[in-house]
Structures are given as C-alpha cells and as structure tokens.
Amino acid sequence: MYAVIETGGKQYRVSPGDTIVVETLTGDAGAAVEFDKVLAIGKDDGELVVGKDVAGAKVKGSIKGHDRAPKILVFKFKRKKQYKKTIGHRQNQTSVTIAEILA
C-alpha cells in the first residue's frame, strides 16, 4: 500500500516504513506528525483511489531529525557593468519516517 501526500508545496509517494526528507516541520525529534493532505492511495490489489474518495485519509509518521540541505551557490552577473555577486543558500529540512496509512 502506498499514498501520495502533499507537504511544503511538494508531493511525495510514501509507504509504511519509508523515510522521506521534507520542508521544515515544527516539532522535536521523535514527535508524531500527521499529513492530512492525501492526494491518492494505491492499494495492494492494484486499485488506485483518488479524488473525493480519499477525503478522510491520513498518513501518520514520526520526526526522525532536522538537518540542512547541501549548499547551493547563487551567482549574479551583469556583463559590462563589473557586477558580480556570489551568495550561498542552505535549505532547512526534516526527515520523517512513515508509520501507517489510514484510509
């Protein structure tokens, strides 16, 4: 069984036991987290449930830890103007372990 959830403006395909890295969530390591925005559920018999049929579905998991993504360099440049600027960015992220899918 799997589910497609949306969090942080992105969609993830998850199954029980999976560990996913999502945008920062509030809570300490070990805290329970619940995803209410379930877009689709794939069942073991091959059936795919989408739309209004997944209205009450939830995905439960626990926060494994908080981390930061690798640094991304942003280089700004304007030719003939002697303008060059380099800045870096590291996005905060949270690791979540999926416990169960409630359909």
PDB file of N, CA and C in Angstrom:
ATOM      1  N   MET A   1       0.840  -1.177   0.000  1.00  0.00           N
ATOM      2  CA  MET A   1       0.000   0.000   0.000  1.00  0.00           C
ATOM      3  C   MET A   1       0.886   1.241   0.000  1.00  0.00           C
ATOM      4  N   TYR A   2       0.480   2.229  -0.769  1.00  0.00           N
ATOM      5  CA  TYR A   2       1.221   3.485  -0.799  1.00  0.00           C
ATOM      6  C   TYR A   2       0.241   4.642  -0.860  1.00  0.00           C
ATOM      7  N   ALA A   3       0.758   5.837  -0.581  1.00  0.00           N
ATOM      8  CA  ALA A   3      -0.069   7.039  -0.642  1.00  0.00           C
ATOM      9  C   ALA A   3       0.752   8.156  -1.259  1.00  0.00           C
ATOM     10  N   VAL A   4       0.071   9.101  -1.886  1.00  0.00           N
ATOM     11  CA  VAL A   4       0.704  10.307  -2.407  1.00  0.00           C
ATOM     12  C   VAL A   4       0.232  11.452  -1.520  1.00  0.00           C
ATOM     13  N   ILE A   5       1.189  12.102  -0.831  1.00  0.00           N
ATOM     14  CA  ILE A   5       0.846  13.189   0.085  1.00  0.00           C
ATOM     15  C   ILE A   5       1.469  14.488  -0.420  1.00  0.00           C
ATOM     16  N   GLU A   6       0.925  15.597   0.073  1.00  0.00           N
ATOM     17  CA  GLU A   6       1.473  16.903  -0.273  1.00  0.00           C
ATOM     18  C   GLU A   6       1.852  17.616   1.017  1.00  0.00           C
ATOM     19  N   THR A   7       3.088  18.108   1.070  1.00  0.00           N
ATOM     20  CA  THR A   7       3.547  18.908   2.194  1.00  0.00           C
ATOM     21  C   THR A   7       4.645  19.838   1.704  1.00  0.00           C
ATOM     22  N   GLY A   8       4.619  21.051   2.165  1.00  0.00           N
ATOM     23  CA  GLY A   8       5.624  22.021   1.762  1.00  0.00           C
ATOM     24  C   GLY A   8       5.576  22.373   0.287  1.00  0.00           C
ATOM     25  N   GLY A   9       4.401  22.213  -0.353  1.00  0.00           N
ATOM     26  CA  GLY A   9       4.264  22.532  -1.761  1.00  0.00           C
ATOM     27  C   GLY A   9       4.804  21.473  -2.700  1.00  0.00           C
ATOM     28  N   LYS A  10       5.202  20.317  -2.152  1.00  0.00           N
ATOM     29  CA  LYS A  10       5.723  19.219  -2.971  1.00  0.00           C
ATOM     30  C   LYS A  10       4.921  17.955  -2.693  1.00  0.00           C
ATOM     31  N   GLN A  11       4.953  17.026  -3.638  1.00  0.00           N
ATOM     32  CA  GLN A  11       4.229  15.769  -3.487  1.00  0.00           C
ATOM     33  C   GLN A  11       5.222  14.624  -3.317  1.00  0.00           C
ATOM     34  N   TYR A  12       4.856  13.667  -2.450  1.00  0.00           N
ATOM     35  CA  TYR A  12       5.722  12.531  -2.139  1.00  0.00           C
ATOM     36  C   TYR A  12       4.905  11.248  -2.196  1.00  0.00           C
ATOM     37  N   ARG A  13       5.509  10.200  -2.748  1.00  0.00           N
ATOM     38  CA  ARG A  13       4.898   8.868  -2.751  1.00  0.00           C
ATOM     39  C   ARG A  13       5.511   8.111  -1.588  1.00  0.00           C
ATOM     40  N   VAL A  14       4.679   7.696  -0.615  1.00  0.00           N
ATOM     41  CA  VAL A  14       5.184   7.084   0.608  1.00  0.00           C
ATOM     42  C   VAL A  14       4.512   5.753   0.861  1.00  0.00           C
ATOM     43  N   SER A  15       5.234   4.882   1.548  1.00  0.00           N
ATOM     44  CA  SER A  15       4.734   3.602   2.022  1.00  0.00           C
ATOM     45  C   SER A  15       5.118   3.472   3.482  1.00  0.00           C
ATOM     46  N   PRO A  16       4.441   2.618   4.249  1.00  0.00           N
ATOM     47  CA  PRO A  16       4.846   2.436   5.646  1.00  0.00           C
ATOM     48  C   PRO A  16       6.292   1.940   5.735  1.00  0.00           C
ATOM     49  N   GLY A  17       7.067   2.592   6.599  1.00  0.00           N
ATOM     50  CA  GLY A  17       8.472   2.244   6.769  1.00  0.00           C
ATOM     51  C   GLY A  17       9.424   3.132   5.997  1.00  0.00           C
ATOM     52  N   ASP A  18       8.918   3.934   5.068  1.00  0.00           N
ATOM     53  CA  ASP A  18       9.763   4.831   4.280  1.00  0.00           C
ATOM     54  C   ASP A  18      10.237   6.016   5.123  1.00  0.00           C
ATOM     55  N   THR A  19      11.404   6.543   4.782  1.00  0.00           N
ATOM     56  CA  THR A  19      11.914   7.776   5.367  1.00  0.00           C
ATOM     57  C   THR A  19      12.024   8.794   4.254  1.00  0.00           C
ATOM     58  N   ILE A  20      11.359   9.942   4.427  1.00  0.00           N
ATOM     59  CA  ILE A  20      11.372  10.997   3.420  1.00  0.00           C
ATOM     60  C   ILE A  20      11.948  12.269   4.016  1.00  0.00           C
ATOM     61  N   VAL A  21      12.482  13.113   3.157  1.00  0.00           N
ATOM     62  CA  VAL A  21      13.032  14.406   3.564  1.00  0.00           C
ATOM     63  C   VAL A  21      12.112  15.478   3.001  1.00  0.00           C
ATOM     64  N   VAL A  22      11.503  16.271   3.901  1.00  0.00           N
ATOM     65  CA  VAL A  22      10.526  17.282   3.509  1.00  0.00           C
ATOM     66  C   VAL A  22      10.973  18.648   4.005  1.00  0.00           C
ATOM     67  N   GLU A  23      10.229  19.684   3.606  1.00  0.00           N
ATOM     68  CA  GLU A  23      10.469  21.029   4.128  1.00  0.00           C
ATOM     69  C   GLU A  23      10.313  21.004   5.644  1.00  0.00           C
ATOM     70  N   THR A  24      10.872  21.985   6.324  1.00  0.00           N
ATOM     71  CA  THR A  24      10.901  22.021   7.776  1.00  0.00           C
ATOM     72  C   THR A  24       9.514  21.910   8.389  1.00  0.00           C
ATOM     73  N   LEU A  25       9.380  20.995   9.350  1.00  0.00           N
ATOM     74  CA  LEU A  25       8.160  20.828  10.128  1.00  0.00           C
ATOM     75  C   LEU A  25       8.448  21.203  11.576  1.00  0.00           C
ATOM     76  N   THR A  26       7.447  21.714  12.269  1.00  0.00           N
ATOM     77  CA  THR A  26       7.646  22.044  13.677  1.00  0.00           C
ATOM     78  C   THR A  26       7.565  20.783  14.516  1.00  0.00           C
ATOM     79  N   GLY A  27       8.364  20.719  15.563  1.00  0.00           N
ATOM     80  CA  GLY A  27       8.369  19.570  16.454  1.00  0.00           C
ATOM     81  C   GLY A  27       9.776  19.053  16.647  1.00  0.00           C
ATOM     82  N   ASP A  28       9.985  18.378  17.772  1.00  0.00           N
ATOM     83  CA  ASP A  28      11.283  17.807  18.085  1.00  0.00           C
ATOM     84  C   ASP A  28      11.405  16.410  17.491  1.00  0.00           C
ATOM     85  N   ALA A  29      12.624  15.882  17.523  1.00  0.00           N
ATOM     86  CA  ALA A  29      12.857  14.525  17.034  1.00  0.00           C
ATOM     87  C   ALA A  29      12.062  13.540  17.879  1.00  0.00           C
ATOM     88  N   GLY A  30      11.390  12.617  17.228  1.00  0.00           N
ATOM     89  CA  GLY A  30      10.566  11.639  17.924  1.00  0.00           C
ATOM     90  C   GLY A  30       9.104  12.048  18.038  1.00  0.00           C
ATOM     91  N   ALA A  31       8.781  13.285  17.715  1.00  0.00           N
ATOM     92  CA  ALA A  31       7.396  13.752  17.795  1.00  0.00           C
ATOM     93  C   ALA A  31       6.568  13.170  16.653  1.00  0.00           C
ATOM     94  N   ALA A  32       5.288  12.942  16.933  1.00  0.00           N
ATOM     95  CA  ALA A  32       4.385  12.400  15.924  1.00  0.00           C
ATOM     96  C   ALA A  32       3.947  13.513  14.977  1.00  0.00           C
ATOM     97  N   VAL A  33       3.793  13.154  13.714  1.00  0.00           N
ATOM     98  CA  VAL A  33       3.340  14.103  12.702  1.00  0.00           C
ATOM     99  C   VAL A  33       2.264  13.418  11.865  1.00  0.00           C
ATOM    100  N   GLU A  34       1.276  14.206  11.427  1.00  0.00           N
ATOM    101  CA  GLU A  34       0.165  13.660  10.665  1.00  0.00           C
ATOM    102  C   GLU A  34      -0.044  14.492   9.408  1.00  0.00           C
ATOM    103  N   PHE A  35      -0.096  13.837   8.267  1.00  0.00           N
ATOM    104  CA  PHE A  35      -0.318  14.508   6.989  1.00  0.00           C
ATOM    105  C   PHE A  35      -1.778  14.299   6.589  1.00  0.00           C
ATOM    106  N   ASP A  36      -2.539  15.404   6.526  1.00  0.00           N
ATOM    107  CA  ASP A  36      -3.956  15.325   6.186  1.00  0.00           C
ATOM    108  C   ASP A  36      -4.206  15.429   4.688  1.00  0.00           C
ATOM    109  N   LYS A  37      -3.292  16.050   3.969  1.00  0.00           N
ATOM    110  CA  LYS A  37      -3.495  16.279   2.536  1.00  0.00           C
ATOM    111  C   LYS A  37      -3.007  15.052   1.759  1.00  0.00           C
ATOM    112  N   VAL A  38      -3.883  14.060   1.627  1.00  0.00           N
ATOM    113  CA  VAL A  38      -3.592  12.836   0.879  1.00  0.00           C
ATOM    114  C   VAL A  38      -4.260  12.963  -0.484  1.00  0.00           C
ATOM    115  N   LEU A  39      -3.482  12.838  -1.538  1.00  0.00           N
ATOM    116  CA  LEU A  39      -3.994  13.022  -2.893  1.00  0.00           C
ATOM    117  C   LEU A  39      -4.441  11.719  -3.545  1.00  0.00           C
ATOM    118  N   ALA A  40      -3.771  10.606  -3.213  1.00  0.00           N
ATOM    119  CA  ALA A  40      -4.118   9.322  -3.819  1.00  0.00           C
ATOM    120  C   ALA A  40      -3.647   8.197  -2.909  1.00  0.00           C
ATOM    121  N   ILE A  41      -4.334   7.062  -3.010  1.00  0.00           N
ATOM    122  CA  ILE A  41      -3.935   5.870  -2.257  1.00  0.00           C
ATOM    123  C   ILE A  41      -3.911   4.699  -3.229  1.00  0.00           C
ATOM    124  N   GLY A  42      -2.790   3.996  -3.261  1.00  0.00           N
ATOM    125  CA  GLY A  42      -2.670   2.789  -4.067  1.00  0.00           C
ATOM    126  C   GLY A  42      -2.760   1.580  -3.159  1.00  0.00           C
ATOM    127  N   LYS A  43      -3.729   0.710  -3.422  1.00  0.00           N
ATOM    128  CA  LYS A  43      -3.949  -0.455  -2.568  1.00  0.00           C
ATOM    129  C   LYS A  43      -3.164  -1.655  -3.093  1.00  0.00           C
ATOM    130  N   ASP A  44      -3.074  -2.700  -2.244  1.00  0.00           N
ATOM    131  CA  ASP A  44      -2.291  -3.887  -2.588  1.00  0.00           C
ATOM    132  C   ASP A  44      -2.860  -4.654  -3.781  1.00  0.00           C
ATOM    133  N   ASP A  45      -4.172  -4.554  -4.011  1.00  0.00           N
ATOM    134  CA  ASP A  45      -4.776  -5.281  -5.129  1.00  0.00           C
ATOM    135  C   ASP A  45      -4.666  -4.529  -6.450  1.00  0.00           C
ATOM    136  N   GLY A  46      -3.932  -3.404  -6.468  1.00  0.00           N
ATOM    137  CA  GLY A  46      -3.716  -2.653  -7.689  1.00  0.00           C
ATOM    138  C   GLY A  46      -4.693  -1.520  -7.900  1.00  0.00           C
ATOM    139  N   GLU A  47      -5.665  -1.374  -7.012  1.00  0.00           N
ATOM    140  CA  GLU A  47      -6.666  -0.317  -7.144  1.00  0.00           C
ATOM    141  C   GLU A  47      -6.071   1.025  -6.723  1.00  0.00           C
ATOM    142  N   LEU A  48      -6.370   2.075  -7.476  1.00  0.00           N
ATOM    143  CA  LEU A  48      -5.919   3.425  -7.170  1.00  0.00           C
ATOM    144  C   LEU A  48      -7.125   4.272  -6.803  1.00  0.00           C
ATOM    145  N   VAL A  49      -7.092   4.863  -5.608  1.00  0.00           N
ATOM    146  CA  VAL A  49      -8.199   5.685  -5.116  1.00  0.00           C
ATOM    147  C   VAL A  49      -7.749   7.140  -5.148  1.00  0.00           C
ATOM    148  N   VAL A  50      -8.496   7.989  -5.861  1.00  0.00           N
ATOM    149  CA  VAL A  50      -8.163   9.408  -5.984  1.00  0.00           C
ATOM    150  C   VAL A  50      -9.417  10.251  -5.803  1.00  0.00           C
ATOM    151  N   GLY A  51      -9.230  11.562  -5.681  1.00  0.00           N
ATOM    152  CA  GLY A  51     -10.354  12.490  -5.648  1.00  0.00           C
ATOM    153  C   GLY A  51     -11.058  12.518  -4.311  1.00  0.00           C
ATOM    154  N   LYS A  52     -12.380  12.605  -4.351  1.00  0.00           N
ATOM    155  CA  LYS A  52     -13.176  12.726  -3.136  1.00  0.00           C
ATOM    156  C   LYS A  52     -13.174  11.448  -2.308  1.00  0.00           C
ATOM    157  N   ASP A  53     -12.770  10.330  -2.885  1.00  0.00           N
ATOM    158  CA  ASP A  53     -12.765   9.059  -2.166  1.00  0.00           C
ATOM    159  C   ASP A  53     -11.693   9.003  -1.075  1.00  0.00           C
ATOM    160  N   VAL A  54     -10.694   9.871  -1.129  1.00  0.00           N
ATOM    161  CA  VAL A  54      -9.631   9.877  -0.119  1.00  0.00           C
ATOM    162  C   VAL A  54      -9.808  11.033   0.867  1.00  0.00           C
ATOM    163  N   ALA A  55     -11.034  11.526   1.011  1.00  0.00           N
ATOM    164  CA  ALA A  55     -11.288  12.717   1.826  1.00  0.00           C
ATOM    165  C   ALA A  55     -10.874  12.535   3.282  1.00  0.00           C
ATOM    166  N   GLY A  56     -11.092  11.376   3.871  1.00  0.00           N
ATOM    167  CA  GLY A  56     -10.778  11.179   5.292  1.00  0.00           C
ATOM    168  C   GLY A  56      -9.452  10.494   5.544  1.00  0.00           C
ATOM    169  N   ALA A  57      -8.659  10.303   4.522  1.00  0.00           N
ATOM    170  CA  ALA A  57      -7.404   9.563   4.669  1.00  0.00           C
ATOM    171  C   ALA A  57      -6.337  10.407   5.355  1.00  0.00           C
ATOM    172  N   LYS A  58      -5.460   9.751   6.113  1.00  0.00           N
ATOM    173  CA  LYS A  58      -4.355  10.412   6.800  1.00  0.00           C
ATOM    174  C   LYS A  58      -3.132   9.515   6.743  1.00  0.00           C
ATOM    175  N   VAL A  59      -1.979  10.144   6.817  1.00  0.00           N
ATOM    176  CA  VAL A  59      -0.717   9.405   6.886  1.00  0.00           C
ATOM    177  C   VAL A  59      -0.023   9.831   8.170  1.00  0.00           C
ATOM    178  N   LYS A  60       0.326   8.851   9.006  1.00  0.00           N
ATOM    179  CA  LYS A  60       0.971   9.143  10.281  1.00  0.00           C
ATOM    180  C   LYS A  60       2.442   8.749  10.216  1.00  0.00           C
ATOM    181  N   GLY A  61       3.256   9.522  10.907  1.00  0.00           N
ATOM    182  CA  GLY A  61       4.683   9.249  10.948  1.00  0.00           C
ATOM    183  C   GLY A  61       5.306   9.911  12.156  1.00  0.00           C
ATOM    184  N   SER A  62       6.626   9.850  12.231  1.00  0.00           N
ATOM    185  CA  SER A  62       7.348  10.490  13.329  1.00  0.00           C
ATOM    186  C   SER A  62       8.565  11.211  12.774  1.00  0.00           C
ATOM    187  N   ILE A  63       8.919  12.302  13.435  1.00  0.00           N
ATOM    188  CA  ILE A  63      10.054  13.102  13.005  1.00  0.00           C
ATOM    189  C   ILE A  63      11.335  12.392  13.429  1.00  0.00           C
ATOM    190  N   LYS A  64      12.199  12.149  12.468  1.00  0.00           N
ATOM    191  CA  LYS A  64      13.465  11.474  12.740  1.00  0.00           C
ATOM    192  C   LYS A  64      14.537  12.481  13.145  1.00  0.00           C
ATOM    193  N   GLY A  65      14.521  13.661  12.532  1.00  0.00           N
ATOM    194  CA  GLY A  65      15.502  14.685  12.874  1.00  0.00           C
ATOM    195  C   GLY A  65      15.421  15.863  11.919  1.00  0.00           C
ATOM    196  N   HIS A  66      16.122  16.923  12.290  1.00  0.00           N
ATOM    197  CA  HIS A  66      16.194  18.131  11.469  1.00  0.00           C
ATOM    198  C   HIS A  66      17.609  18.264  10.930  1.00  0.00           C
ATOM    199  N   ASP A  67      17.721  18.797   9.712  1.00  0.00           N
ATOM    200  CA  ASP A  67      19.020  18.892   9.060  1.00  0.00           C
ATOM    201  C   ASP A  67      18.974  20.058   8.086  1.00  0.00           C
ATOM    202  N   ARG A  68      20.071  20.250   7.379  1.00  0.00           N
ATOM    203  CA  ARG A  68      20.117  21.268   6.330  1.00  0.00           C
ATOM    204  C   ARG A  68      20.632  20.633   5.049  1.00  0.00           C
ATOM    205  N   ALA A  69      20.086  21.071   3.936  1.00  0.00           N
ATOM    206  CA  ALA A  69      20.461  20.545   2.627  1.00  0.00           C
ATOM    207  C   ALA A  69      21.862  21.028   2.257  1.00  0.00           C
ATOM    208  N   PRO A  70      22.495  20.409   1.267  1.00  0.00           N
ATOM    209  CA  PRO A  70      23.803  20.903   0.813  1.00  0.00           C
ATOM    210  C   PRO A  70      23.705  22.332   0.291  1.00  0.00           C
ATOM    211  N   LYS A  71      24.825  23.041   0.354  1.00  0.00           N
ATOM    212  CA  LYS A  71      24.843  24.442  -0.052  1.00  0.00           C
ATOM    213  C   LYS A  71      24.679  24.572  -1.563  1.00  0.00           C
ATOM    214  N   ILE A  72      23.862  25.542  -1.953  1.00  0.00           N
ATOM    215  CA  ILE A  72      23.666  25.891  -3.352  1.00  0.00           C
ATOM    216  C   ILE A  72      24.268  27.273  -3.557  1.00  0.00           C
ATOM    217  N   LEU A  73      25.124  27.424  -4.559  1.00  0.00           N
ATOM    218  CA  LEU A  73      25.719  28.719  -4.841  1.00  0.00           C
ATOM    219  C   LEU A  73      24.879  29.472  -5.858  1.00  0.00           C
ATOM    220  N   VAL A  74      24.613  30.742  -5.550  1.00  0.00           N
ATOM    221  CA  VAL A  74      23.852  31.612  -6.445  1.00  0.00           C
ATOM    222  C   VAL A  74      24.814  32.685  -6.927  1.00  0.00           C
ATOM    223  N   PHE A  75      25.026  32.758  -8.243  1.00  0.00           N
ATOM    224  CA  PHE A  75      25.966  33.704  -8.824  1.00  0.00           C
ATOM    225  C   PHE A  75      25.202  34.695  -9.682  1.00  0.00           C
ATOM    226  N   LYS A  76      25.300  35.972  -9.330  1.00  0.00           N
ATOM    227  CA  LYS A  76      24.647  37.033 -10.095  1.00  0.00           C
ATOM    228  C   LYS A  76      25.708  37.799 -10.871  1.00  0.00           C
ATOM    229  N   PHE A  77      25.391  38.098 -12.136  1.00  0.00           N
ATOM    230  CA  PHE A  77      26.385  38.693 -13.013  1.00  0.00           C
ATOM    231  C   PHE A  77      25.698  39.605 -14.014  1.00  0.00           C
ATOM    232  N   LYS A  78      26.235  40.819 -14.199  1.00  0.00           N
ATOM    233  CA  LYS A  78      25.760  41.727 -15.240  1.00  0.00           C
ATOM    234  C   LYS A  78      26.969  42.113 -16.093  1.00  0.00           C
ATOM    235  N   ARG A  79      26.911  41.749 -17.344  1.00  0.00           N
ATOM    236  CA  ARG A  79      28.057  41.996 -18.206  1.00  0.00           C
ATOM    237  C   ARG A  79      28.255  43.491 -18.450  1.00  0.00           C
ATOM    238  N   LYS A  80      29.473  43.879 -18.668  1.00  0.00           N
ATOM    239  CA  LYS A  80      29.908  45.246 -18.967  1.00  0.00           C
ATOM    240  C   LYS A  80      29.663  46.228 -17.818  1.00  0.00           C
ATOM    241  N   LYS A  81      29.202  45.772 -16.684  1.00  0.00           N
ATOM    242  CA  LYS A  81      28.922  46.660 -15.559  1.00  0.00           C
ATOM    243  C   LYS A  81      29.824  46.373 -14.364  1.00  0.00           C
ATOM    244  N   GLN A  82      30.704  45.394 -14.485  1.00  0.00           N
ATOM    245  CA  GLN A  82      31.602  44.984 -13.402  1.00  0.00           C
ATOM    246  C   GLN A  82      30.832  44.578 -12.148  1.00  0.00           C
ATOM    247  N   TYR A  83      29.702  43.906 -12.364  1.00  0.00           N
ATOM    248  CA  TYR A  83      28.873  43.471 -11.232  1.00  0.00           C
ATOM    249  C   TYR A  83      28.900  41.954 -11.146  1.00  0.00           C
ATOM    250  N   LYS A  84      29.442  41.444 -10.051  1.00  0.00           N
ATOM    251  CA  LYS A  84      29.448  40.015  -9.774  1.00  0.00           C
ATOM    252  C   LYS A  84      29.144  39.839  -8.292  1.00  0.00           C
ATOM    253  N   LYS A  85      28.249  38.902  -7.999  1.00  0.00           N
ATOM    254  CA  LYS A  85      27.899  38.671  -6.607  1.00  0.00           C
ATOM    255  C   LYS A  85      27.649  37.179  -6.420  1.00  0.00           C
ATOM    256  N   THR A  86      28.275  36.574  -5.431  1.00  0.00           N
ATOM    257  CA  THR A  86      28.092  35.164  -5.128  1.00  0.00           C
ATOM    258  C   THR A  86      27.534  35.036  -3.719  1.00  0.00           C
ATOM    259  N   ILE A  87      26.410  34.327  -3.606  1.00  0.00           N
ATOM    260  CA  ILE A  87      25.849  34.046  -2.293  1.00  0.00           C
ATOM    261  C   ILE A  87      25.494  32.569  -2.230  1.00  0.00           C
ATOM    262  N   GLY A  88      25.432  32.030  -1.027  1.00  0.00           N
ATOM    263  CA  GLY A  88      25.077  30.631  -0.840  1.00  0.00           C
ATOM    264  C   GLY A  88      23.760  30.509  -0.102  1.00  0.00           C
ATOM    265  N   HIS A  89      23.155  29.333  -0.229  1.00  0.00           N
ATOM    266  CA  HIS A  89      21.886  29.077   0.438  1.00  0.00           C
ATOM    267  C   HIS A  89      21.841  27.626   0.884  1.00  0.00           C
ATOM    268  N   ARG A  90      21.413  27.397   2.127  1.00  0.00           N
ATOM    269  CA  ARG A  90      21.179  26.043   2.627  1.00  0.00           C
ATOM    270  C   ARG A  90      19.755  25.973   3.156  1.00  0.00           C
ATOM    271  N   GLN A  91      18.948  25.097   2.587  1.00  0.00           N
ATOM    272  CA  GLN A  91      17.544  24.968   2.968  1.00  0.00           C
ATOM    273  C   GLN A  91      17.414  24.068   4.189  1.00  0.00           C
ATOM    274  N   ASN A  92      16.579  24.461   5.145  1.00  0.00           N
ATOM    275  CA  ASN A  92      16.276  23.613   6.291  1.00  0.00           C
ATOM    276  C   ASN A  92      15.347  22.492   5.849  1.00  0.00           C
ATOM    277  N   GLN A  93      15.523  21.306   6.430  1.00  0.00           N
ATOM    278  CA  GLN A  93      14.700  20.170   6.062  1.00  0.00           C
ATOM    279  C   GLN A  93      14.500  19.246   7.257  1.00  0.00           C
ATOM    280  N   THR A  94      13.493  18.403   7.185  1.00  0.00           N
ATOM    281  CA  THR A  94      13.146  17.481   8.251  1.00  0.00           C
ATOM    282  C   THR A  94      13.025  16.076   7.677  1.00  0.00           C
ATOM    283  N   SER A  95      13.586  15.090   8.368  1.00  0.00           N
ATOM    284  CA  SER A  95      13.444  13.692   7.978  1.00  0.00           C
ATOM    285  C   SER A  95      12.263  13.103   8.732  1.00  0.00           C
ATOM    286  N   VAL A  96      11.365  12.446   8.002  1.00  0.00           N
ATOM    287  CA  VAL A  96      10.161  11.865   8.597  1.00  0.00           C
ATOM    288  C   VAL A  96      10.098  10.396   8.234  1.00  0.00           C
ATOM    289  N   THR A  97       9.836   9.539   9.228  1.00  0.00           N
ATOM    290  CA  THR A  97       9.631   8.120   8.993  1.00  0.00           C
ATOM    291  C   THR A  97       8.127   7.840   9.006  1.00  0.00           C
ATOM    292  N   ILE A  98       7.625   7.238   7.941  1.00  0.00           N
ATOM    293  CA  ILE A  98       6.192   6.975   7.798  1.00  0.00           C
ATOM    294  C   ILE A  98       5.835   5.709   8.575  1.00  0.00           C
ATOM    295  N   ALA A  99       4.818   5.811   9.452  1.00  0.00           N
ATOM    296  CA  ALA A  99       4.413   4.686  10.277  1.00  0.00           C
ATOM    297  C   ALA A  99       3.246   3.920   9.659  1.00  0.00           C
ATOM    298  N   GLU A 100       2.170   4.643   9.309  1.00  0.00           N
ATOM    299  CA  GLU A 100       1.000   3.957   8.773  1.00  0.00           C
ATOM    300  C   GLU A 100       0.171   4.871   7.887  1.00  0.00           C
ATOM    301  N   ILE A 101      -0.640   4.243   7.040  1.00  0.00           N
ATOM    302  CA  ILE A 101      -1.556   4.961   6.158  1.00  0.00           C
ATOM    303  C   ILE A 101      -2.970   4.581   6.583  1.00  0.00           C
ATOM    304  N   LEU A 102      -3.744   5.586   6.988  1.00  0.00           N
ATOM    305  CA  LEU A 102      -5.123   5.344   7.404  1.00  0.00           C
ATOM    306  C   LEU A 102      -6.050   5.779   6.283  1.00  0.00           C
ATOM    307  N   ALA A 103      -6.706   4.814   5.653  1.00  0.00           N
ATOM    308  CA  ALA A 103      -7.582   5.138   4.523  1.00  0.00           C
ATOM    309  C   ALA A 103      -9.043   4.998   4.922  1.00  0.00           C
TER     310      ALA A 103
END
